[in-house]
Amino acid sequence: MGKMSWIAYLAENEKREELMEEVGEIASASGRTAAEIADGFIEAVKTIEKNKEKPAYKKLSKIQKDMIKDATNKINGASVGIRNE
């Protein structure tokens, strides 16, 4: 799973603490805190969802949903493997 798919999954599910861990390097490079970056991702997901019917957001919404689907499939596949062991 790509890092952006994982970040999208965390933002979509508002897993702020895990998201802050993932964006730590971005925060260091940008001069912002991990909390600010994580909150920005979460807010962006909410904005995309709220505006998904507007032409400018339709493609973003589809990309977001595809990334969430990819991450969810990877998570579900991994948990099936764990249960089978």
PDB file of N, CA and C in Angstrom:
ATOM      1  N   MET A   1       0.858  -1.167   0.000  1.00  0.00           N
ATOM      2  CA  MET A   1       0.000   0.000   0.000  1.00  0.00           C
ATOM      3  C   MET A   1       0.899   1.222   0.000  1.00  0.00           C
ATOM      4  N   GLY A   2       0.558   2.163  -0.835  1.00  0.00           N
ATOM      5  CA  GLY A   2       1.328   3.389  -0.903  1.00  0.00           C
ATOM      6  C   GLY A   2       1.101   4.255   0.323  1.00  0.00           C
ATOM      7  N   LYS A   3       2.070   5.085   0.608  1.00  0.00           N
ATOM      8  CA  LYS A   3       1.972   5.952   1.785  1.00  0.00           C
ATOM      9  C   LYS A   3       0.774   6.898   1.689  1.00  0.00           C
ATOM     10  N   MET A   4       0.496   7.420   0.479  1.00  0.00           N
ATOM     11  CA  MET A   4      -0.645   8.337   0.349  1.00  0.00           C
ATOM     12  C   MET A   4      -1.967   7.613   0.590  1.00  0.00           C
ATOM     13  N   SER A   5      -2.073   6.352   0.173  1.00  0.00           N
ATOM     14  CA  SER A   5      -3.300   5.596   0.451  1.00  0.00           C
ATOM     15  C   SER A   5      -3.492   5.441   1.956  1.00  0.00           C
ATOM     16  N   TRP A   6      -2.403   5.165   2.651  1.00  0.00           N
ATOM     17  CA  TRP A   6      -2.475   4.997   4.101  1.00  0.00           C
ATOM     18  C   TRP A   6      -2.839   6.323   4.777  1.00  0.00           C
ATOM     19  N   ILE A   7      -2.223   7.408   4.338  1.00  0.00           N
ATOM     20  CA  ILE A   7      -2.537   8.731   4.887  1.00  0.00           C
ATOM     21  C   ILE A   7      -4.003   9.070   4.612  1.00  0.00           C
ATOM     22  N   ALA A   8      -4.467   8.785   3.403  1.00  0.00           N
ATOM     23  CA  ALA A   8      -5.878   9.042   3.056  1.00  0.00           C
ATOM     24  C   ALA A   8      -6.811   8.247   3.960  1.00  0.00           C
ATOM     25  N   TYR A   9      -6.462   6.980   4.207  1.00  0.00           N
ATOM     26  CA  TYR A   9      -7.266   6.128   5.081  1.00  0.00           C
ATOM     27  C   TYR A   9      -7.320   6.714   6.496  1.00  0.00           C
ATOM     28  N   LEU A  10      -6.178   7.090   7.014  1.00  0.00           N
ATOM     29  CA  LEU A  10      -6.130   7.645   8.367  1.00  0.00           C
ATOM     30  C   LEU A  10      -6.923   8.943   8.462  1.00  0.00           C
ATOM     31  N   ALA A  11      -6.792   9.811   7.460  1.00  0.00           N
ATOM     32  CA  ALA A  11      -7.516  11.089   7.457  1.00  0.00           C
ATOM     33  C   ALA A  11      -9.018  10.841   7.355  1.00  0.00           C
ATOM     34  N   GLU A  12      -9.425   9.950   6.470  1.00  0.00           N
ATOM     35  CA  GLU A  12     -10.850   9.632   6.276  1.00  0.00           C
ATOM     36  C   GLU A  12     -11.477   9.129   7.575  1.00  0.00           C
ATOM     37  N   ASN A  13     -10.713   8.354   8.333  1.00  0.00           N
ATOM     38  CA  ASN A  13     -11.220   7.763   9.566  1.00  0.00           C
ATOM     39  C   ASN A  13     -10.848   8.569  10.815  1.00  0.00           C
ATOM     40  N   GLU A  14     -10.323   9.770  10.583  1.00  0.00           N
ATOM     41  CA  GLU A  14      -9.950  10.698  11.650  1.00  0.00           C
ATOM     42  C   GLU A  14      -9.087  10.059  12.732  1.00  0.00           C
ATOM     43  N   LYS A  15      -8.116   9.284  12.294  1.00  0.00           N
ATOM     44  CA  LYS A  15      -7.162   8.654  13.214  1.00  0.00           C
ATOM     45  C   LYS A  15      -5.972   9.612  13.373  1.00  0.00           C
ATOM     46  N   ARG A  16      -6.222  10.652  14.137  1.00  0.00           N
ATOM     47  CA  ARG A  16      -5.297  11.784  14.239  1.00  0.00           C
ATOM     48  C   ARG A  16      -3.920  11.390  14.788  1.00  0.00           C
ATOM     49  N   GLU A  17      -3.882  10.593  15.835  1.00  0.00           N
ATOM     50  CA  GLU A  17      -2.595  10.232  16.438  1.00  0.00           C
ATOM     51  C   GLU A  17      -1.732   9.439  15.452  1.00  0.00           C
ATOM     52  N   GLU A  18      -2.317   8.448  14.794  1.00  0.00           N
ATOM     53  CA  GLU A  18      -1.572   7.667  13.808  1.00  0.00           C
ATOM     54  C   GLU A  18      -1.158   8.538  12.625  1.00  0.00           C
ATOM     55  N   LEU A  19      -2.041   9.427  12.233  1.00  0.00           N
ATOM     56  CA  LEU A  19      -1.759  10.335  11.128  1.00  0.00           C
ATOM     57  C   LEU A  19      -0.600  11.260  11.479  1.00  0.00           C
ATOM     58  N   MET A  20      -0.561  11.736  12.702  1.00  0.00           N
ATOM     59  CA  MET A  20       0.542  12.596  13.147  1.00  0.00           C
ATOM     60  C   MET A  20       1.878  11.857  13.055  1.00  0.00           C
ATOM     61  N   GLU A  21       1.884  10.570  13.385  1.00  0.00           N
ATOM     62  CA  GLU A  21       3.117   9.774  13.265  1.00  0.00           C
ATOM     63  C   GLU A  21       3.555   9.685  11.805  1.00  0.00           C
ATOM     64  N   GLU A  22       2.593   9.473  10.920  1.00  0.00           N
ATOM     65  CA  GLU A  22       2.902   9.328   9.492  1.00  0.00           C
ATOM     66  C   GLU A  22       3.428  10.612   8.864  1.00  0.00           C
ATOM     67  N   VAL A  23       2.951  11.745   9.316  1.00  0.00           N
ATOM     68  CA  VAL A  23       3.320  13.014   8.678  1.00  0.00           C
ATOM     69  C   VAL A  23       4.448  13.748   9.394  1.00  0.00           C
ATOM     70  N   GLY A  24       5.086  13.092  10.320  1.00  0.00           N
ATOM     71  CA  GLY A  24       6.162  13.713  11.079  1.00  0.00           C
ATOM     72  C   GLY A  24       7.265  14.284  10.210  1.00  0.00           C
ATOM     73  N   GLU A  25       7.684  13.530   9.182  1.00  0.00           N
ATOM     74  CA  GLU A  25       8.751  14.003   8.297  1.00  0.00           C
ATOM     75  C   GLU A  25       8.299  15.213   7.490  1.00  0.00           C
ATOM     76  N   ILE A  26       7.052  15.182   7.021  1.00  0.00           N
ATOM     77  CA  ILE A  26       6.508  16.317   6.275  1.00  0.00           C
ATOM     78  C   ILE A  26       6.504  17.549   7.168  1.00  0.00           C
ATOM     79  N   ALA A  27       6.101  17.355   8.414  1.00  0.00           N
ATOM     80  CA  ALA A  27       6.041  18.474   9.354  1.00  0.00           C
ATOM     81  C   ALA A  27       7.425  19.069   9.560  1.00  0.00           C
ATOM     82  N   SER A  28       8.415  18.212   9.748  1.00  0.00           N
ATOM     83  CA  SER A  28       9.779  18.699   9.959  1.00  0.00           C
ATOM     84  C   SER A  28      10.264  19.524   8.782  1.00  0.00           C
ATOM     85  N   ALA A  29       9.967  19.052   7.578  1.00  0.00           N
ATOM     86  CA  ALA A  29      10.424  19.742   6.375  1.00  0.00           C
ATOM     87  C   ALA A  29       9.662  21.050   6.127  1.00  0.00           C
ATOM     88  N   SER A  30       8.425  21.117   6.593  1.00  0.00           N
ATOM     89  CA  SER A  30       7.597  22.291   6.301  1.00  0.00           C
ATOM     90  C   SER A  30       7.652  23.366   7.384  1.00  0.00           C
ATOM     91  N   GLY A  31       8.182  23.004   8.535  1.00  0.00           N
ATOM     92  CA  GLY A  31       8.222  23.961   9.636  1.00  0.00           C
ATOM     93  C   GLY A  31       6.909  24.041  10.407  1.00  0.00           C
ATOM     94  N   ARG A  32       5.986  23.136  10.102  1.00  0.00           N
ATOM     95  CA  ARG A  32       4.710  23.088  10.818  1.00  0.00           C
ATOM     96  C   ARG A  32       4.737  21.885  11.758  1.00  0.00           C
ATOM     97  N   THR A  33       3.798  21.834  12.678  1.00  0.00           N
ATOM     98  CA  THR A  33       3.746  20.697  13.596  1.00  0.00           C
ATOM     99  C   THR A  33       3.022  19.530  12.930  1.00  0.00           C
ATOM    100  N   ALA A  34       3.271  18.331  13.438  1.00  0.00           N
ATOM    101  CA  ALA A  34       2.587  17.143  12.926  1.00  0.00           C
ATOM    102  C   ALA A  34       1.077  17.284  13.127  1.00  0.00           C
ATOM    103  N   ALA A  35       0.673  17.903  14.224  1.00  0.00           N
ATOM    104  CA  ALA A  35      -0.761  18.108  14.489  1.00  0.00           C
ATOM    105  C   ALA A  35      -1.384  19.015  13.432  1.00  0.00           C
ATOM    106  N   GLU A  36      -0.679  20.072  13.050  1.00  0.00           N
ATOM    107  CA  GLU A  36      -1.199  20.979  12.021  1.00  0.00           C
ATOM    108  C   GLU A  36      -1.354  20.266  10.682  1.00  0.00           C
ATOM    109  N   ILE A  37      -0.364  19.475  10.320  1.00  0.00           N
ATOM    110  CA  ILE A  37      -0.416  18.734   9.056  1.00  0.00           C
ATOM    111  C   ILE A  37      -1.547  17.707   9.098  1.00  0.00           C
ATOM    112  N   ALA A  38      -1.633  16.950  10.180  1.00  0.00           N
ATOM    113  CA  ALA A  38      -2.687  15.933  10.315  1.00  0.00           C
ATOM    114  C   ALA A  38      -4.063  16.575  10.258  1.00  0.00           C
ATOM    115  N   ASP A  39      -4.236  17.658  10.989  1.00  0.00           N
ATOM    116  CA  ASP A  39      -5.532  18.358  10.977  1.00  0.00           C
ATOM    117  C   ASP A  39      -5.863  18.873   9.578  1.00  0.00           C
ATOM    118  N   GLY A  40      -4.840  19.305   8.842  1.00  0.00           N
ATOM    119  CA  GLY A  40      -5.043  19.774   7.481  1.00  0.00           C
ATOM    120  C   GLY A  40      -5.531  18.662   6.561  1.00  0.00           C
ATOM    121  N   PHE A  41      -4.950  17.467   6.696  1.00  0.00           N
ATOM    122  CA  PHE A  41      -5.403  16.324   5.902  1.00  0.00           C
ATOM    123  C   PHE A  41      -6.849  15.961   6.246  1.00  0.00           C
ATOM    124  N   ILE A  42      -7.162  15.934   7.529  1.00  0.00           N
ATOM    125  CA  ILE A  42      -8.522  15.587   7.960  1.00  0.00           C
ATOM    126  C   ILE A  42      -9.516  16.626   7.440  1.00  0.00           C
ATOM    127  N   GLU A  43      -9.167  17.880   7.528  1.00  0.00           N
ATOM    128  CA  GLU A  43     -10.045  18.942   7.037  1.00  0.00           C
ATOM    129  C   GLU A  43     -10.217  18.852   5.520  1.00  0.00           C
ATOM    130  N   ALA A  44      -9.149  18.515   4.807  1.00  0.00           N
ATOM    131  CA  ALA A  44      -9.229  18.380   3.354  1.00  0.00           C
ATOM    132  C   ALA A  44     -10.202  17.265   2.962  1.00  0.00           C
ATOM    133  N   VAL A  45     -10.153  16.152   3.682  1.00  0.00           N
ATOM    134  CA  VAL A  45     -11.075  15.044   3.403  1.00  0.00           C
ATOM    135  C   VAL A  45     -12.521  15.488   3.618  1.00  0.00           C
ATOM    136  N   LYS A  46     -12.755  16.224   4.687  1.00  0.00           N
ATOM    137  CA  LYS A  46     -14.110  16.722   4.964  1.00  0.00           C
ATOM    138  C   LYS A  46     -14.575  17.675   3.871  1.00  0.00           C
ATOM    139  N   THR A  47     -13.673  18.536   3.406  1.00  0.00           N
ATOM    140  CA  THR A  47     -14.016  19.491   2.351  1.00  0.00           C
ATOM    141  C   THR A  47     -14.336  18.766   1.045  1.00  0.00           C
ATOM    142  N   ILE A  48     -13.533  17.776   0.702  1.00  0.00           N
ATOM    143  CA  ILE A  48     -13.783  16.999  -0.512  1.00  0.00           C
ATOM    144  C   ILE A  48     -15.134  16.309  -0.419  1.00  0.00           C
ATOM    145  N   GLU A  49     -15.419  15.694   0.707  1.00  0.00           N
ATOM    146  CA  GLU A  49     -16.693  14.990   0.887  1.00  0.00           C
ATOM    147  C   GLU A  49     -17.878  15.953   0.803  1.00  0.00           C
ATOM    148  N   LYS A  50     -17.741  17.094   1.434  1.00  0.00           N
ATOM    149  CA  LYS A  50     -18.826  18.077   1.455  1.00  0.00           C
ATOM    150  C   LYS A  50     -19.119  18.624   0.055  1.00  0.00           C
ATOM    151  N   ASN A  51     -18.098  18.723  -0.763  1.00  0.00           N
ATOM    152  CA  ASN A  51     -18.237  19.338  -2.086  1.00  0.00           C
ATOM    153  C   ASN A  51     -18.157  18.344  -3.240  1.00  0.00           C
ATOM    154  N   LYS A  52     -18.308  17.060  -2.956  1.00  0.00           N
ATOM    155  CA  LYS A  52     -18.060  16.019  -3.960  1.00  0.00           C
ATOM    156  C   LYS A  52     -18.919  16.126  -5.220  1.00  0.00           C
ATOM    157  N   GLU A  53     -20.038  16.812  -5.161  1.00  0.00           N
ATOM    158  CA  GLU A  53     -20.890  16.958  -6.336  1.00  0.00           C
ATOM    159  C   GLU A  53     -20.508  18.147  -7.206  1.00  0.00           C
ATOM    160  N   LYS A  54     -19.659  19.006  -6.704  1.00  0.00           N
ATOM    161  CA  LYS A  54     -19.209  20.162  -7.479  1.00  0.00           C
ATOM    162  C   LYS A  54     -18.141  19.697  -8.474  1.00  0.00           C
ATOM    163  N   PRO A  55     -18.194  20.214  -9.696  1.00  0.00           N
ATOM    164  CA  PRO A  55     -17.255  19.766 -10.729  1.00  0.00           C
ATOM    165  C   PRO A  55     -15.780  19.775 -10.302  1.00  0.00           C
ATOM    166  N   ALA A  56     -15.363  20.783  -9.593  1.00  0.00           N
ATOM    167  CA  ALA A  56     -13.958  20.886  -9.196  1.00  0.00           C
ATOM    168  C   ALA A  56     -13.544  19.804  -8.194  1.00  0.00           C
ATOM    169  N   TYR A  57     -14.499  19.200  -7.516  1.00  0.00           N
ATOM    170  CA  TYR A  57     -14.193  18.219  -6.482  1.00  0.00           C
ATOM    171  C   TYR A  57     -14.504  16.784  -6.889  1.00  0.00           C
ATOM    172  N   LYS A  58     -15.217  16.582  -7.991  1.00  0.00           N
ATOM    173  CA  LYS A  58     -15.617  15.222  -8.384  1.00  0.00           C
ATOM    174  C   LYS A  58     -14.420  14.296  -8.555  1.00  0.00           C
ATOM    175  N   LYS A  59     -13.408  14.740  -9.278  1.00  0.00           N
ATOM    176  CA  LYS A  59     -12.219  13.905  -9.506  1.00  0.00           C
ATOM    177  C   LYS A  59     -11.462  13.676  -8.196  1.00  0.00           C
ATOM    178  N   LEU A  60     -11.331  14.708  -7.383  1.00  0.00           N
ATOM    179  CA  LEU A  60     -10.673  14.540  -6.084  1.00  0.00           C
ATOM    180  C   LEU A  60     -11.404  13.520  -5.221  1.00  0.00           C
ATOM    181  N   SER A  61     -12.730  13.573  -5.252  1.00  0.00           N
ATOM    182  CA  SER A  61     -13.527  12.632  -4.476  1.00  0.00           C
ATOM    183  C   SER A  61     -13.280  11.203  -4.948  1.00  0.00           C
ATOM    184  N   LYS A  62     -13.229  11.005  -6.255  1.00  0.00           N
ATOM    185  CA  LYS A  62     -12.977   9.667  -6.787  1.00  0.00           C
ATOM    186  C   LYS A  62     -11.583   9.173  -6.403  1.00  0.00           C
ATOM    187  N   ILE A  63     -10.591  10.035  -6.525  1.00  0.00           N
ATOM    188  CA  ILE A  63      -9.225   9.664  -6.140  1.00  0.00           C
ATOM    189  C   ILE A  63      -9.177   9.284  -4.662  1.00  0.00           C
ATOM    190  N   GLN A  64      -9.807  10.091  -3.820  1.00  0.00           N
ATOM    191  CA  GLN A  64      -9.844   9.829  -2.380  1.00  0.00           C
ATOM    192  C   GLN A  64     -10.492   8.472  -2.099  1.00  0.00           C
ATOM    193  N   LYS A  65     -11.637   8.212  -2.726  1.00  0.00           N
ATOM    194  CA  LYS A  65     -12.344   6.949  -2.503  1.00  0.00           C
ATOM    195  C   LYS A  65     -11.511   5.765  -2.986  1.00  0.00           C
ATOM    196  N   ASP A  66     -10.822   5.911  -4.117  1.00  0.00           N
ATOM    197  CA  ASP A  66      -9.967   4.834  -4.626  1.00  0.00           C
ATOM    198  C   ASP A  66      -8.817   4.538  -3.661  1.00  0.00           C
ATOM    199  N   MET A  67      -8.222   5.590  -3.096  1.00  0.00           N
ATOM    200  CA  MET A  67      -7.130   5.385  -2.140  1.00  0.00           C
ATOM    201  C   MET A  67      -7.637   4.708  -0.871  1.00  0.00           C
ATOM    202  N   ILE A  68      -8.821   5.108  -0.398  1.00  0.00           N
ATOM    203  CA  ILE A  68      -9.401   4.496   0.797  1.00  0.00           C
ATOM    204  C   ILE A  68      -9.700   3.026   0.530  1.00  0.00           C
ATOM    205  N   LYS A  69     -10.242   2.747  -0.635  1.00  0.00           N
ATOM    206  CA  LYS A  69     -10.553   1.365  -1.011  1.00  0.00           C
ATOM    207  C   LYS A  69      -9.283   0.521  -1.041  1.00  0.00           C
ATOM    208  N   ASP A  70      -8.210   1.054  -1.634  1.00  0.00           N
ATOM    209  CA  ASP A  70      -6.939   0.351  -1.689  1.00  0.00           C
ATOM    210  C   ASP A  70      -6.415   0.047  -0.280  1.00  0.00           C
ATOM    211  N   ALA A  71      -6.419   1.051   0.568  1.00  0.00           N
ATOM    212  CA  ALA A  71      -5.926   0.870   1.934  1.00  0.00           C
ATOM    213  C   ALA A  71      -6.793  -0.115   2.706  1.00  0.00           C
ATOM    214  N   THR A  72      -8.104  -0.009   2.563  1.00  0.00           N
ATOM    215  CA  THR A  72      -9.022  -0.911   3.272  1.00  0.00           C
ATOM    216  C   THR A  72      -8.826  -2.348   2.814  1.00  0.00           C
ATOM    217  N   ASN A  73      -8.668  -2.546   1.511  1.00  0.00           N
ATOM    218  CA  ASN A  73      -8.432  -3.898   0.996  1.00  0.00           C
ATOM    219  C   ASN A  73      -7.141  -4.485   1.551  1.00  0.00           C
ATOM    220  N   LYS A  74      -6.092  -3.657   1.637  1.00  0.00           N
ATOM    221  CA  LYS A  74      -4.817  -4.127   2.174  1.00  0.00           C
ATOM    222  C   LYS A  74      -4.952  -4.472   3.660  1.00  0.00           C
ATOM    223  N   ILE A  75      -5.662  -3.646   4.386  1.00  0.00           N
ATOM    224  CA  ILE A  75      -5.861  -3.893   5.821  1.00  0.00           C
ATOM    225  C   ILE A  75      -6.662  -5.168   6.023  1.00  0.00           C
ATOM    226  N   ASN A  76      -7.753  -5.318   5.277  1.00  0.00           N
ATOM    227  CA  ASN A  76      -8.584  -6.512   5.403  1.00  0.00           C
ATOM    228  C   ASN A  76      -7.830  -7.763   4.998  1.00  0.00           C
ATOM    229  N   GLY A  77      -7.026  -7.672   3.956  1.00  0.00           N
ATOM    230  CA  GLY A  77      -6.220  -8.809   3.529  1.00  0.00           C
ATOM    231  C   GLY A  77      -5.201  -9.206   4.578  1.00  0.00           C
ATOM    232  N   ALA A  78      -4.598  -8.218   5.216  1.00  0.00           N
ATOM    233  CA  ALA A  78      -3.614  -8.495   6.263  1.00  0.00           C
ATOM    234  C   ALA A  78      -4.278  -9.117   7.480  1.00  0.00           C
ATOM    235  N   SER A  79      -5.472  -8.647   7.838  1.00  0.00           N
ATOM    236  CA  SER A  79      -6.125  -9.193   9.020  1.00  0.00           C
ATOM    237  C   SER A  79      -6.622 -10.611   8.766  1.00  0.00           C
ATOM    238  N   VAL A  80      -6.981 -10.945   7.536  1.00  0.00           N
ATOM    239  CA  VAL A  80      -7.377 -12.317   7.207  1.00  0.00           C
ATOM    240  C   VAL A  80      -6.163 -13.231   7.388  1.00  0.00           C
ATOM    241  N   GLY A  81      -5.008 -12.785   6.919  1.00  0.00           N
ATOM    242  CA  GLY A  81      -3.789 -13.565   7.075  1.00  0.00           C
ATOM    243  C   GLY A  81      -3.453 -13.796   8.539  1.00  0.00           C
ATOM    244  N   ILE A  82      -3.655 -12.803   9.369  1.00  0.00           N
ATOM    245  CA  ILE A  82      -3.381 -12.925  10.804  1.00  0.00           C
ATOM    246  C   ILE A  82      -4.337 -13.920  11.434  1.00  0.00           C
ATOM    247  N   ARG A  83      -5.606 -13.862  11.081  1.00  0.00           N
ATOM    248  CA  ARG A  83      -6.590 -14.778  11.666  1.00  0.00           C
ATOM    249  C   ARG A  83      -6.345 -16.205  11.241  1.00  0.00           C
ATOM    250  N   ASN A  84      -5.770 -16.410  10.052  1.00  0.00           N
ATOM    251  CA  ASN A  84      -5.542 -17.767   9.550  1.00  0.00           C
ATOM    252  C   ASN A  84      -4.291 -18.404  10.137  1.00  0.00           C
ATOM    253  N   GLU A  85      -3.460 -17.625  10.796  1.00  0.00           N
ATOM    254  CA  GLU A  85      -2.214 -18.171  11.352  1.00  0.00           C
ATOM    255  C   GLU A  85      -2.425 -18.867  12.656  1.00  0.00           C
TER     256      GLU A  85
END
